[in-house]
Amino acid sequence: MQFKTASIVKVAILANLLRQHATNGTGLSSYEDELASAMIQDSDNDAATALLETEGGNTQPDALFKRLGMTHSHMDSESWGYSTTTATDQLTLLKNIFYQSRVLTDSSRTYMQGLMNNIAVDQSWGITAGLTPDATVALKNGWLADKNGWIINSTGHITSKQSDYVIAILSNQTVSEDAGIDLVQQLAKATYTTLNAQ
């Protein structure tokens, strides 16, 4: 099932920018670095729009989707928050960031991991639910009020003494933001509990 991405698409926006730079043999400018940090860590929308402009427009990450085999993900040409994806495609992207990749360089992956490991405290919800003290989490959440209810998404990478996995929880049509977050966190907690059962 396809879902609207809301702000989780910002991970793909950054991944594609880094791919473009690697292809051209260049690195991020200080301005792009500043925008990338704001976009991932603070979920700054203006930063996302600005980075897409530097990439060549809203549909540029479609090239990344194609290279990664994310066949059910598509950028929206007018509003990047309405881009569409599936949980499976998001797992593909996350595996390329947190494990191995033939598309993203090691330095690009390390850079993205660092940002996702340091999300603003007020956005540390979703897949963080139910974690034990030994766990570490890298994440990017997305939330958006749509005409049919709230879109609440939470994606990332979790490690603990007993587990190491990527996770993507996508939802829509919830009656409120709080209800959507509660649903996502119930699923995240159940997943962590199951994978870490003694």
N, C-alpha and C. Protein backbone atom coordinates (compact mmCIF):
# COMPACT_ATOMS: atom_id res chain seq x y z
N MET A 1 0.83 -1.19 0.00
CA MET A 1 0.00 0.00 0.00
C MET A 1 0.87 1.24 0.00
N GLN A 2 0.50 2.21 -0.82
CA GLN A 2 1.26 3.46 -0.89
C GLN A 2 0.72 4.47 0.13
N PHE A 3 1.64 5.21 0.73
CA PHE A 3 1.30 6.25 1.68
C PHE A 3 1.97 7.55 1.26
N LYS A 4 1.39 8.66 1.64
CA LYS A 4 2.06 9.94 1.47
C LYS A 4 3.19 10.02 2.49
N THR A 5 4.30 10.59 2.07
CA THR A 5 5.50 10.55 2.90
C THR A 5 5.51 11.54 4.05
N ALA A 6 4.90 12.71 3.86
CA ALA A 6 5.15 13.84 4.77
C ALA A 6 6.67 14.02 4.85
N SER A 7 7.20 14.29 6.04
CA SER A 7 8.61 14.68 6.14
C SER A 7 9.62 13.54 6.11
N ILE A 8 9.18 12.28 6.08
CA ILE A 8 10.19 11.22 5.98
C ILE A 8 10.89 11.27 4.64
N VAL A 9 10.30 11.95 3.65
CA VAL A 9 10.94 12.06 2.33
C VAL A 9 12.22 12.88 2.40
N LYS A 10 12.41 13.61 3.49
CA LYS A 10 13.62 14.42 3.63
C LYS A 10 14.88 13.56 3.67
N VAL A 11 14.75 12.32 4.11
CA VAL A 11 15.89 11.41 4.09
C VAL A 11 16.30 11.13 2.64
N ALA A 12 15.33 10.90 1.78
CA ALA A 12 15.61 10.65 0.37
C ALA A 12 16.15 11.90 -0.32
N ILE A 13 15.64 13.05 0.07
CA ILE A 13 16.14 14.32 -0.50
C ILE A 13 17.63 14.46 -0.23
N LEU A 14 18.03 14.20 1.01
CA LEU A 14 19.45 14.31 1.35
C LEU A 14 20.27 13.22 0.69
N ALA A 15 19.75 12.00 0.68
CA ALA A 15 20.48 10.88 0.06
C ALA A 15 20.74 11.17 -1.41
N ASN A 16 19.76 11.73 -2.10
CA ASN A 16 19.94 12.02 -3.52
C ASN A 16 20.94 13.14 -3.74
N LEU A 17 20.91 14.16 -2.87
CA LEU A 17 21.89 15.24 -2.98
C LEU A 17 23.31 14.70 -2.82
N LEU A 18 23.49 13.85 -1.83
CA LEU A 18 24.81 13.26 -1.60
C LEU A 18 25.23 12.38 -2.77
N ARG A 19 24.28 11.67 -3.37
CA ARG A 19 24.58 10.85 -4.54
C ARG A 19 25.02 11.73 -5.70
N GLN A 20 24.36 12.84 -5.90
CA GLN A 20 24.74 13.77 -6.97
C GLN A 20 26.16 14.28 -6.77
N HIS A 21 26.47 14.66 -5.54
CA HIS A 21 27.82 15.16 -5.25
C HIS A 21 28.87 14.07 -5.48
N ALA A 22 28.57 12.86 -5.05
CA ALA A 22 29.53 11.76 -5.24
C ALA A 22 29.77 11.50 -6.72
N THR A 23 28.72 11.57 -7.51
CA THR A 23 28.84 11.38 -8.95
C THR A 23 29.71 12.46 -9.59
N ASN A 24 29.58 13.68 -9.08
CA ASN A 24 30.33 14.82 -9.62
C ASN A 24 31.70 15.00 -8.98
N GLY A 25 32.00 14.17 -7.98
CA GLY A 25 33.28 14.30 -7.29
C GLY A 25 33.39 15.54 -6.43
N THR A 26 32.26 16.00 -5.91
CA THR A 26 32.23 17.19 -5.08
C THR A 26 31.67 16.86 -3.70
N GLY A 27 31.75 17.81 -2.80
CA GLY A 27 31.20 17.65 -1.46
C GLY A 27 30.15 18.70 -1.18
N LEU A 28 29.45 18.55 -0.09
CA LEU A 28 28.46 19.54 0.30
C LEU A 28 29.12 20.88 0.58
N SER A 29 28.48 21.94 0.16
CA SER A 29 28.94 23.28 0.54
C SER A 29 28.54 23.52 1.99
N SER A 30 29.11 24.52 2.62
CA SER A 30 28.75 24.84 4.01
C SER A 30 27.27 25.21 4.09
N TYR A 31 26.75 25.85 3.06
CA TYR A 31 25.33 26.21 3.02
C TYR A 31 24.46 24.96 2.95
N GLU A 32 24.85 24.01 2.10
CA GLU A 32 24.09 22.77 1.99
C GLU A 32 24.16 21.96 3.27
N ASP A 33 25.31 21.97 3.92
CA ASP A 33 25.46 21.27 5.20
C ASP A 33 24.53 21.86 6.25
N GLU A 34 24.45 23.17 6.28
CA GLU A 34 23.57 23.86 7.22
C GLU A 34 22.11 23.50 6.95
N LEU A 35 21.73 23.50 5.66
CA LEU A 35 20.37 23.15 5.30
C LEU A 35 20.06 21.69 5.62
N ALA A 36 21.00 20.81 5.35
CA ALA A 36 20.79 19.39 5.61
C ALA A 36 20.57 19.12 7.09
N SER A 37 21.36 19.77 7.93
CA SER A 37 21.20 19.61 9.38
C SER A 37 19.83 20.08 9.83
N ALA A 38 19.42 21.25 9.34
CA ALA A 38 18.10 21.79 9.72
C ALA A 38 16.98 20.89 9.21
N MET A 39 17.14 20.36 8.00
CA MET A 39 16.10 19.54 7.40
C MET A 39 15.90 18.22 8.14
N ILE A 40 17.00 17.56 8.50
CA ILE A 40 16.90 16.25 9.15
C ILE A 40 16.69 16.38 10.66
N GLN A 41 17.50 17.17 11.32
CA GLN A 41 17.45 17.24 12.77
C GLN A 41 16.25 18.02 13.29
N ASP A 42 15.86 19.08 12.60
CA ASP A 42 14.74 19.92 13.04
C ASP A 42 13.51 19.79 12.14
N SER A 43 13.60 18.99 11.09
CA SER A 43 12.54 18.80 10.10
C SER A 43 12.09 20.14 9.50
N ASP A 44 13.06 20.98 9.17
CA ASP A 44 12.78 22.29 8.60
C ASP A 44 12.30 22.17 7.15
N ASN A 45 11.09 22.63 6.90
CA ASN A 45 10.50 22.50 5.56
C ASN A 45 11.17 23.41 4.53
N ASP A 46 11.50 24.64 4.95
CA ASP A 46 12.15 25.56 4.02
C ASP A 46 13.50 25.02 3.57
N ALA A 47 14.21 24.35 4.48
CA ALA A 47 15.51 23.76 4.14
C ALA A 47 15.33 22.65 3.10
N ALA A 48 14.27 21.86 3.25
CA ALA A 48 14.00 20.80 2.29
C ALA A 48 13.71 21.37 0.90
N THR A 49 12.91 22.41 0.86
CA THR A 49 12.58 23.05 -0.41
C THR A 49 13.83 23.62 -1.07
N ALA A 50 14.68 24.25 -0.26
CA ALA A 50 15.92 24.85 -0.79
C ALA A 50 16.86 23.79 -1.33
N LEU A 51 16.99 22.66 -0.64
CA LEU A 51 17.88 21.60 -1.12
C LEU A 51 17.36 20.96 -2.39
N LEU A 52 16.06 20.81 -2.50
CA LEU A 52 15.49 20.28 -3.74
C LEU A 52 15.78 21.21 -4.92
N GLU A 53 15.77 22.49 -4.66
CA GLU A 53 16.10 23.45 -5.72
C GLU A 53 17.54 23.29 -6.17
N THR A 54 18.45 23.05 -5.23
CA THR A 54 19.85 22.86 -5.60
C THR A 54 20.04 21.55 -6.37
N GLU A 55 19.18 20.56 -6.11
CA GLU A 55 19.27 19.28 -6.82
C GLU A 55 18.74 19.36 -8.24
N GLY A 56 17.87 20.35 -8.48
CA GLY A 56 17.30 20.47 -9.82
C GLY A 56 15.79 20.37 -9.86
N GLY A 57 15.14 20.38 -8.70
CA GLY A 57 13.68 20.35 -8.67
C GLY A 57 13.11 19.20 -7.86
N ASN A 58 11.82 19.28 -7.60
CA ASN A 58 11.14 18.34 -6.71
C ASN A 58 11.25 16.88 -7.12
N THR A 59 11.34 16.59 -8.41
CA THR A 59 11.32 15.20 -8.85
C THR A 59 12.69 14.54 -8.90
N GLN A 60 13.74 15.27 -8.56
CA GLN A 60 15.09 14.72 -8.67
C GLN A 60 15.32 13.44 -7.87
N PRO A 61 14.78 13.31 -6.65
CA PRO A 61 14.99 12.05 -5.91
C PRO A 61 14.42 10.82 -6.60
N ASP A 62 13.57 11.00 -7.61
CA ASP A 62 13.10 9.84 -8.36
C ASP A 62 14.27 9.05 -8.96
N ALA A 63 15.35 9.77 -9.29
CA ALA A 63 16.54 9.08 -9.83
C ALA A 63 17.15 8.15 -8.78
N LEU A 64 17.14 8.59 -7.53
CA LEU A 64 17.63 7.73 -6.44
C LEU A 64 16.71 6.52 -6.27
N PHE A 65 15.41 6.75 -6.30
CA PHE A 65 14.47 5.64 -6.16
C PHE A 65 14.72 4.59 -7.23
N LYS A 66 14.96 5.04 -8.44
CA LYS A 66 15.20 4.11 -9.54
C LYS A 66 16.47 3.30 -9.31
N ARG A 67 17.53 3.96 -8.88
CA ARG A 67 18.80 3.27 -8.65
C ARG A 67 18.70 2.26 -7.51
N LEU A 68 17.89 2.57 -6.52
CA LEU A 68 17.76 1.68 -5.36
C LEU A 68 16.69 0.61 -5.56
N GLY A 69 15.94 0.69 -6.65
CA GLY A 69 14.88 -0.27 -6.88
C GLY A 69 13.63 0.00 -6.06
N MET A 70 13.44 1.26 -5.67
CA MET A 70 12.26 1.65 -4.90
C MET A 70 11.13 1.94 -5.90
N THR A 71 10.54 0.87 -6.44
CA THR A 71 9.64 1.00 -7.58
C THR A 71 8.28 1.59 -7.24
N HIS A 72 7.95 1.67 -5.96
CA HIS A 72 6.65 2.20 -5.57
C HIS A 72 6.77 3.56 -4.88
N SER A 73 7.88 4.25 -5.10
CA SER A 73 8.08 5.58 -4.52
C SER A 73 8.18 6.61 -5.64
N HIS A 74 7.48 7.71 -5.47
CA HIS A 74 7.44 8.75 -6.49
C HIS A 74 7.34 10.13 -5.83
N MET A 75 8.14 11.06 -6.30
CA MET A 75 8.09 12.42 -5.80
C MET A 75 6.88 13.16 -6.38
N ASP A 76 6.28 14.02 -5.60
CA ASP A 76 5.22 14.90 -6.08
C ASP A 76 5.87 16.16 -6.63
N SER A 77 5.55 16.51 -7.86
CA SER A 77 6.23 17.62 -8.52
C SER A 77 5.87 18.98 -7.94
N GLU A 78 4.76 19.05 -7.23
CA GLU A 78 4.32 20.34 -6.70
C GLU A 78 4.50 20.46 -5.19
N SER A 79 4.28 19.37 -4.47
CA SER A 79 4.39 19.40 -3.00
C SER A 79 5.12 18.16 -2.52
N TRP A 80 6.40 18.32 -2.12
CA TRP A 80 7.20 17.14 -1.80
C TRP A 80 6.62 16.33 -0.64
N GLY A 81 5.85 16.95 0.25
CA GLY A 81 5.25 16.22 1.36
C GLY A 81 4.19 15.24 0.93
N TYR A 82 3.67 15.41 -0.30
CA TYR A 82 2.67 14.50 -0.85
C TYR A 82 3.29 13.45 -1.76
N SER A 83 4.60 13.33 -1.74
CA SER A 83 5.25 12.23 -2.44
C SER A 83 4.75 10.92 -1.85
N THR A 84 4.81 9.85 -2.62
CA THR A 84 4.25 8.58 -2.15
C THR A 84 5.33 7.51 -2.05
N THR A 85 5.10 6.55 -1.15
CA THR A 85 6.06 5.48 -0.92
C THR A 85 5.36 4.29 -0.28
N THR A 86 6.11 3.23 -0.06
CA THR A 86 5.61 2.07 0.68
C THR A 86 6.59 1.78 1.82
N ALA A 87 6.13 1.01 2.80
CA ALA A 87 7.01 0.64 3.90
C ALA A 87 8.21 -0.15 3.39
N THR A 88 7.97 -1.04 2.42
CA THR A 88 9.06 -1.85 1.85
C THR A 88 10.12 -0.98 1.19
N ASP A 89 9.68 0.02 0.43
CA ASP A 89 10.63 0.92 -0.21
C ASP A 89 11.43 1.71 0.82
N GLN A 90 10.77 2.13 1.90
CA GLN A 90 11.48 2.86 2.94
C GLN A 90 12.53 1.98 3.61
N LEU A 91 12.23 0.71 3.78
CA LEU A 91 13.22 -0.21 4.34
C LEU A 91 14.42 -0.35 3.42
N THR A 92 14.16 -0.36 2.12
CA THR A 92 15.26 -0.41 1.15
C THR A 92 16.17 0.79 1.31
N LEU A 93 15.60 1.97 1.41
CA LEU A 93 16.39 3.18 1.60
C LEU A 93 17.18 3.13 2.90
N LEU A 94 16.54 2.73 3.97
CA LEU A 94 17.20 2.67 5.27
C LEU A 94 18.33 1.65 5.29
N LYS A 95 18.13 0.51 4.63
CA LYS A 95 19.20 -0.50 4.57
C LYS A 95 20.41 0.03 3.82
N ASN A 96 20.17 0.85 2.81
CA ASN A 96 21.28 1.45 2.08
C ASN A 96 22.02 2.50 2.90
N ILE A 97 21.35 3.07 3.88
CA ILE A 97 21.98 4.07 4.75
C ILE A 97 22.70 3.41 5.92
N PHE A 98 22.08 2.41 6.53
CA PHE A 98 22.61 1.87 7.78
C PHE A 98 23.38 0.56 7.65
N TYR A 99 23.32 -0.09 6.49
CA TYR A 99 24.08 -1.32 6.31
C TYR A 99 25.06 -1.18 5.15
N GLN A 100 24.73 -1.68 4.01
CA GLN A 100 25.64 -1.58 2.86
C GLN A 100 24.91 -0.98 1.67
N SER A 101 25.66 -0.35 0.77
CA SER A 101 25.04 0.26 -0.40
C SER A 101 26.00 0.30 -1.58
N ARG A 102 25.46 0.04 -2.74
CA ARG A 102 26.22 0.21 -3.98
C ARG A 102 25.92 1.56 -4.62
N VAL A 103 25.00 2.31 -4.01
CA VAL A 103 24.58 3.60 -4.56
C VAL A 103 25.11 4.76 -3.74
N LEU A 104 25.09 4.62 -2.41
CA LEU A 104 25.57 5.68 -1.52
C LEU A 104 26.97 5.35 -1.02
N THR A 105 27.84 6.33 -1.01
CA THR A 105 29.21 6.12 -0.55
C THR A 105 29.23 5.95 0.97
N ASP A 106 30.32 5.40 1.48
CA ASP A 106 30.46 5.22 2.93
C ASP A 106 30.41 6.56 3.65
N SER A 107 31.04 7.57 3.09
CA SER A 107 31.05 8.89 3.74
C SER A 107 29.64 9.49 3.75
N SER A 108 28.88 9.29 2.68
CA SER A 108 27.50 9.78 2.63
C SER A 108 26.65 9.08 3.68
N ARG A 109 26.83 7.78 3.79
CA ARG A 109 26.06 7.00 4.77
C ARG A 109 26.39 7.44 6.19
N THR A 110 27.66 7.63 6.47
CA THR A 110 28.07 8.06 7.80
C THR A 110 27.51 9.44 8.14
N TYR A 111 27.52 10.32 7.16
CA TYR A 111 26.98 11.67 7.36
C TYR A 111 25.49 11.61 7.70
N MET A 112 24.73 10.82 6.95
CA MET A 112 23.30 10.71 7.20
C MET A 112 23.01 10.05 8.54
N GLN A 113 23.78 9.04 8.87
CA GLN A 113 23.60 8.38 10.17
C GLN A 113 23.80 9.37 11.31
N GLY A 114 24.81 10.22 11.18
CA GLY A 114 25.09 11.19 12.23
C GLY A 114 23.94 12.14 12.45
N LEU A 115 23.33 12.62 11.38
CA LEU A 115 22.20 13.53 11.51
C LEU A 115 20.98 12.83 12.11
N MET A 116 20.70 11.63 11.65
CA MET A 116 19.52 10.92 12.13
C MET A 116 19.69 10.42 13.56
N ASN A 117 20.91 10.35 14.02
CA ASN A 117 21.18 9.97 15.41
C ASN A 117 21.02 11.15 16.37
N ASN A 118 20.83 12.34 15.83
CA ASN A 118 20.76 13.54 16.66
C ASN A 118 19.55 14.40 16.32
N ILE A 119 18.38 13.77 16.32
CA ILE A 119 17.12 14.47 16.04
C ILE A 119 16.76 15.35 17.23
N ALA A 120 16.12 16.48 16.95
CA ALA A 120 15.66 17.37 18.02
C ALA A 120 14.81 16.60 19.03
N VAL A 121 14.97 16.93 20.30
CA VAL A 121 14.31 16.20 21.38
C VAL A 121 12.79 16.16 21.21
N ASP A 122 12.21 17.26 20.75
CA ASP A 122 10.75 17.31 20.64
C ASP A 122 10.21 16.43 19.51
N GLN A 123 11.10 15.89 18.70
CA GLN A 123 10.69 14.99 17.62
C GLN A 123 11.11 13.55 17.87
N SER A 124 11.52 13.27 19.08
CA SER A 124 11.99 11.92 19.41
C SER A 124 10.83 11.05 19.86
N TRP A 125 9.89 10.83 18.94
CA TRP A 125 8.75 9.96 19.22
C TRP A 125 8.66 8.91 18.11
N GLY A 126 7.63 8.10 18.17
CA GLY A 126 7.48 7.08 17.13
C GLY A 126 8.24 5.82 17.45
N ILE A 127 9.24 5.51 16.64
CA ILE A 127 9.98 4.25 16.81
C ILE A 127 10.84 4.23 18.07
N THR A 128 10.89 5.34 18.79
CA THR A 128 11.63 5.37 20.05
C THR A 128 10.84 4.75 21.19
N ALA A 129 9.56 4.48 20.98
CA ALA A 129 8.69 4.00 22.06
C ALA A 129 9.12 2.63 22.57
N GLY A 130 9.18 2.52 23.88
CA GLY A 130 9.44 1.23 24.51
C GLY A 130 10.87 0.76 24.50
N LEU A 131 11.81 1.61 24.08
CA LEU A 131 13.20 1.18 24.02
C LEU A 131 13.79 1.05 25.42
N THR A 132 14.67 0.08 25.59
CA THR A 132 15.39 -0.09 26.84
C THR A 132 16.62 0.82 26.85
N PRO A 133 17.22 1.06 28.04
CA PRO A 133 18.34 2.00 28.13
C PRO A 133 19.54 1.67 27.26
N ASP A 134 19.71 0.40 26.90
CA ASP A 134 20.87 0.01 26.10
C ASP A 134 20.67 0.29 24.61
N ALA A 135 19.47 0.71 24.21
CA ALA A 135 19.16 0.89 22.79
C ALA A 135 19.61 2.26 22.28
N THR A 136 20.00 2.29 21.02
CA THR A 136 20.28 3.55 20.32
C THR A 136 19.36 3.63 19.12
N VAL A 137 18.99 4.84 18.75
CA VAL A 137 18.03 5.00 17.66
C VAL A 137 18.43 6.15 16.75
N ALA A 138 18.26 5.94 15.46
CA ALA A 138 18.38 6.99 14.45
C ALA A 138 17.04 7.05 13.75
N LEU A 139 16.49 8.24 13.59
CA LEU A 139 15.13 8.27 13.06
C LEU A 139 14.85 9.52 12.24
N LYS A 140 13.75 9.44 11.51
CA LYS A 140 13.13 10.60 10.86
C LYS A 140 11.64 10.36 10.84
N ASN A 141 10.91 11.29 11.42
CA ASN A 141 9.46 11.20 11.47
C ASN A 141 8.81 12.12 10.45
N GLY A 142 7.56 11.85 10.17
CA GLY A 142 6.78 12.71 9.28
C GLY A 142 5.36 12.82 9.79
N TRP A 143 4.79 14.00 9.73
CA TRP A 143 3.42 14.21 10.19
C TRP A 143 2.79 15.32 9.36
N LEU A 144 1.53 15.10 9.00
CA LEU A 144 0.87 16.04 8.09
C LEU A 144 -0.64 15.87 8.20
N ALA A 145 -1.34 16.98 8.37
CA ALA A 145 -2.80 16.94 8.38
C ALA A 145 -3.28 16.92 6.93
N ASP A 146 -3.99 15.86 6.56
CA ASP A 146 -4.50 15.68 5.20
C ASP A 146 -6.02 15.79 5.22
N LYS A 147 -6.62 15.85 4.05
CA LYS A 147 -8.07 16.01 3.97
C LYS A 147 -8.82 14.82 4.56
N ASN A 148 -8.19 13.65 4.59
CA ASN A 148 -8.83 12.45 5.13
C ASN A 148 -8.33 12.08 6.53
N GLY A 149 -7.62 12.99 7.18
CA GLY A 149 -7.08 12.72 8.51
C GLY A 149 -5.58 12.89 8.55
N TRP A 150 -4.99 12.54 9.65
CA TRP A 150 -3.55 12.76 9.84
C TRP A 150 -2.71 11.65 9.23
N ILE A 151 -1.58 12.07 8.64
CA ILE A 151 -0.54 11.16 8.17
C ILE A 151 0.55 11.18 9.24
N ILE A 152 0.85 10.03 9.81
CA ILE A 152 1.90 9.93 10.84
C ILE A 152 2.84 8.80 10.45
N ASN A 153 4.10 9.13 10.19
CA ASN A 153 5.10 8.14 9.77
C ASN A 153 6.32 8.21 10.67
N SER A 154 6.93 7.09 10.93
CA SER A 154 8.16 7.05 11.74
C SER A 154 9.08 5.97 11.17
N THR A 155 10.31 6.36 10.83
CA THR A 155 11.25 5.43 10.20
C THR A 155 12.62 5.58 10.83
N GLY A 156 13.43 4.53 10.74
CA GLY A 156 14.79 4.64 11.24
C GLY A 156 15.48 3.32 11.51
N HIS A 157 16.47 3.36 12.39
CA HIS A 157 17.36 2.24 12.67
C HIS A 157 17.53 2.12 14.18
N ILE A 158 17.40 0.91 14.70
CA ILE A 158 17.49 0.67 16.14
C ILE A 158 18.49 -0.45 16.40
N THR A 159 19.33 -0.23 17.38
CA THR A 159 20.25 -1.28 17.83
C THR A 159 20.14 -1.41 19.34
N SER A 160 20.30 -2.63 19.80
CA SER A 160 20.34 -2.91 21.24
C SER A 160 21.26 -4.10 21.44
N LYS A 161 21.35 -4.58 22.65
CA LYS A 161 22.21 -5.72 22.92
C LYS A 161 21.75 -6.97 22.15
N GLN A 162 20.46 -7.02 21.84
CA GLN A 162 19.91 -8.22 21.21
C GLN A 162 19.36 -8.00 19.81
N SER A 163 19.37 -6.78 19.32
CA SER A 163 18.76 -6.56 18.00
C SER A 163 19.46 -5.46 17.23
N ASP A 164 19.28 -5.50 15.93
CA ASP A 164 19.83 -4.49 15.01
C ASP A 164 18.93 -4.52 13.78
N TYR A 165 18.08 -3.50 13.64
CA TYR A 165 17.11 -3.55 12.55
C TYR A 165 16.70 -2.15 12.09
N VAL A 166 16.22 -2.09 10.85
CA VAL A 166 15.58 -0.88 10.34
C VAL A 166 14.08 -1.09 10.38
N ILE A 167 13.34 0.00 10.53
CA ILE A 167 11.90 -0.09 10.69
C ILE A 167 11.24 1.11 10.02
N ALA A 168 10.10 0.84 9.40
CA ALA A 168 9.31 1.91 8.77
C ALA A 168 7.85 1.67 9.09
N ILE A 169 7.24 2.59 9.82
CA ILE A 169 5.83 2.52 10.17
C ILE A 169 5.13 3.70 9.51
N LEU A 170 4.22 3.40 8.60
CA LEU A 170 3.50 4.44 7.86
C LEU A 170 2.01 4.33 8.18
N SER A 171 1.35 5.47 8.35
CA SER A 171 -0.07 5.44 8.67
C SER A 171 -0.77 6.66 8.07
N ASN A 172 -2.08 6.53 7.91
CA ASN A 172 -2.87 7.67 7.43
C ASN A 172 -4.29 7.57 7.96
N GLN A 173 -5.08 8.60 7.71
CA GLN A 173 -6.49 8.65 8.07
C GLN A 173 -6.75 8.51 9.57
N THR A 174 -5.81 8.91 10.40
CA THR A 174 -6.08 8.91 11.84
C THR A 174 -6.79 10.21 12.22
N VAL A 175 -7.60 10.15 13.26
CA VAL A 175 -8.50 11.26 13.57
C VAL A 175 -7.77 12.47 14.14
N SER A 176 -6.58 12.26 14.68
CA SER A 176 -5.81 13.37 15.23
C SER A 176 -4.33 13.03 15.19
N GLU A 177 -3.49 14.03 15.38
CA GLU A 177 -2.05 13.81 15.42
C GLU A 177 -1.69 12.88 16.58
N ASP A 178 -2.27 13.14 17.75
CA ASP A 178 -1.97 12.32 18.93
C ASP A 178 -2.38 10.87 18.73
N ALA A 179 -3.54 10.66 18.09
CA ALA A 179 -4.00 9.29 17.85
C ALA A 179 -3.06 8.56 16.89
N GLY A 180 -2.58 9.28 15.88
CA GLY A 180 -1.65 8.68 14.94
C GLY A 180 -0.33 8.32 15.59
N ILE A 181 0.19 9.23 16.41
CA ILE A 181 1.43 8.96 17.12
C ILE A 181 1.27 7.77 18.05
N ASP A 182 0.13 7.70 18.75
CA ASP A 182 -0.12 6.59 19.66
C ASP A 182 -0.13 5.26 18.92
N LEU A 183 -0.78 5.23 17.76
CA LEU A 183 -0.82 4.01 16.95
C LEU A 183 0.58 3.58 16.53
N VAL A 184 1.34 4.51 15.99
CA VAL A 184 2.70 4.22 15.54
C VAL A 184 3.55 3.72 16.70
N GLN A 185 3.41 4.34 17.85
CA GLN A 185 4.23 3.95 19.00
C GLN A 185 3.83 2.59 19.55
N GLN A 186 2.56 2.24 19.47
CA GLN A 186 2.16 0.88 19.87
C GLN A 186 2.82 -0.16 18.99
N LEU A 187 2.85 0.09 17.69
CA LEU A 187 3.48 -0.85 16.75
C LEU A 187 4.99 -0.92 16.97
N ALA A 188 5.60 0.24 17.20
CA ALA A 188 7.05 0.27 17.42
C ALA A 188 7.42 -0.47 18.70
N LYS A 189 6.66 -0.24 19.74
CA LYS A 189 6.95 -0.90 21.03
C LYS A 189 6.78 -2.42 20.91
N ALA A 190 5.73 -2.85 20.23
CA ALA A 190 5.50 -4.29 20.06
C ALA A 190 6.64 -4.93 19.26
N THR A 191 7.12 -4.21 18.25
CA THR A 191 8.23 -4.74 17.45
C THR A 191 9.48 -4.89 18.28
N TYR A 192 9.82 -3.84 19.04
CA TYR A 192 11.03 -3.89 19.85
C TYR A 192 10.93 -4.98 20.91
N THR A 193 9.79 -5.08 21.55
CA THR A 193 9.60 -6.11 22.59
C THR A 193 9.76 -7.50 22.02
N THR A 194 9.18 -7.74 20.85
CA THR A 194 9.27 -9.06 20.21
C THR A 194 10.70 -9.40 19.81
N LEU A 195 11.41 -8.46 19.21
CA LEU A 195 12.76 -8.73 18.74
C LEU A 195 13.77 -8.84 19.88
N ASN A 196 13.41 -8.32 21.04
CA ASN A 196 14.33 -8.36 22.18
C ASN A 196 13.87 -9.31 23.27
N ALA A 197 12.90 -10.16 22.96
CA ALA A 197 12.40 -11.12 23.95
C ALA A 197 13.49 -12.11 24.32
N GLN A 198 13.58 -12.39 25.60
CA GLN A 198 14.58 -13.34 26.07
C GLN A 198 14.18 -14.77 25.67
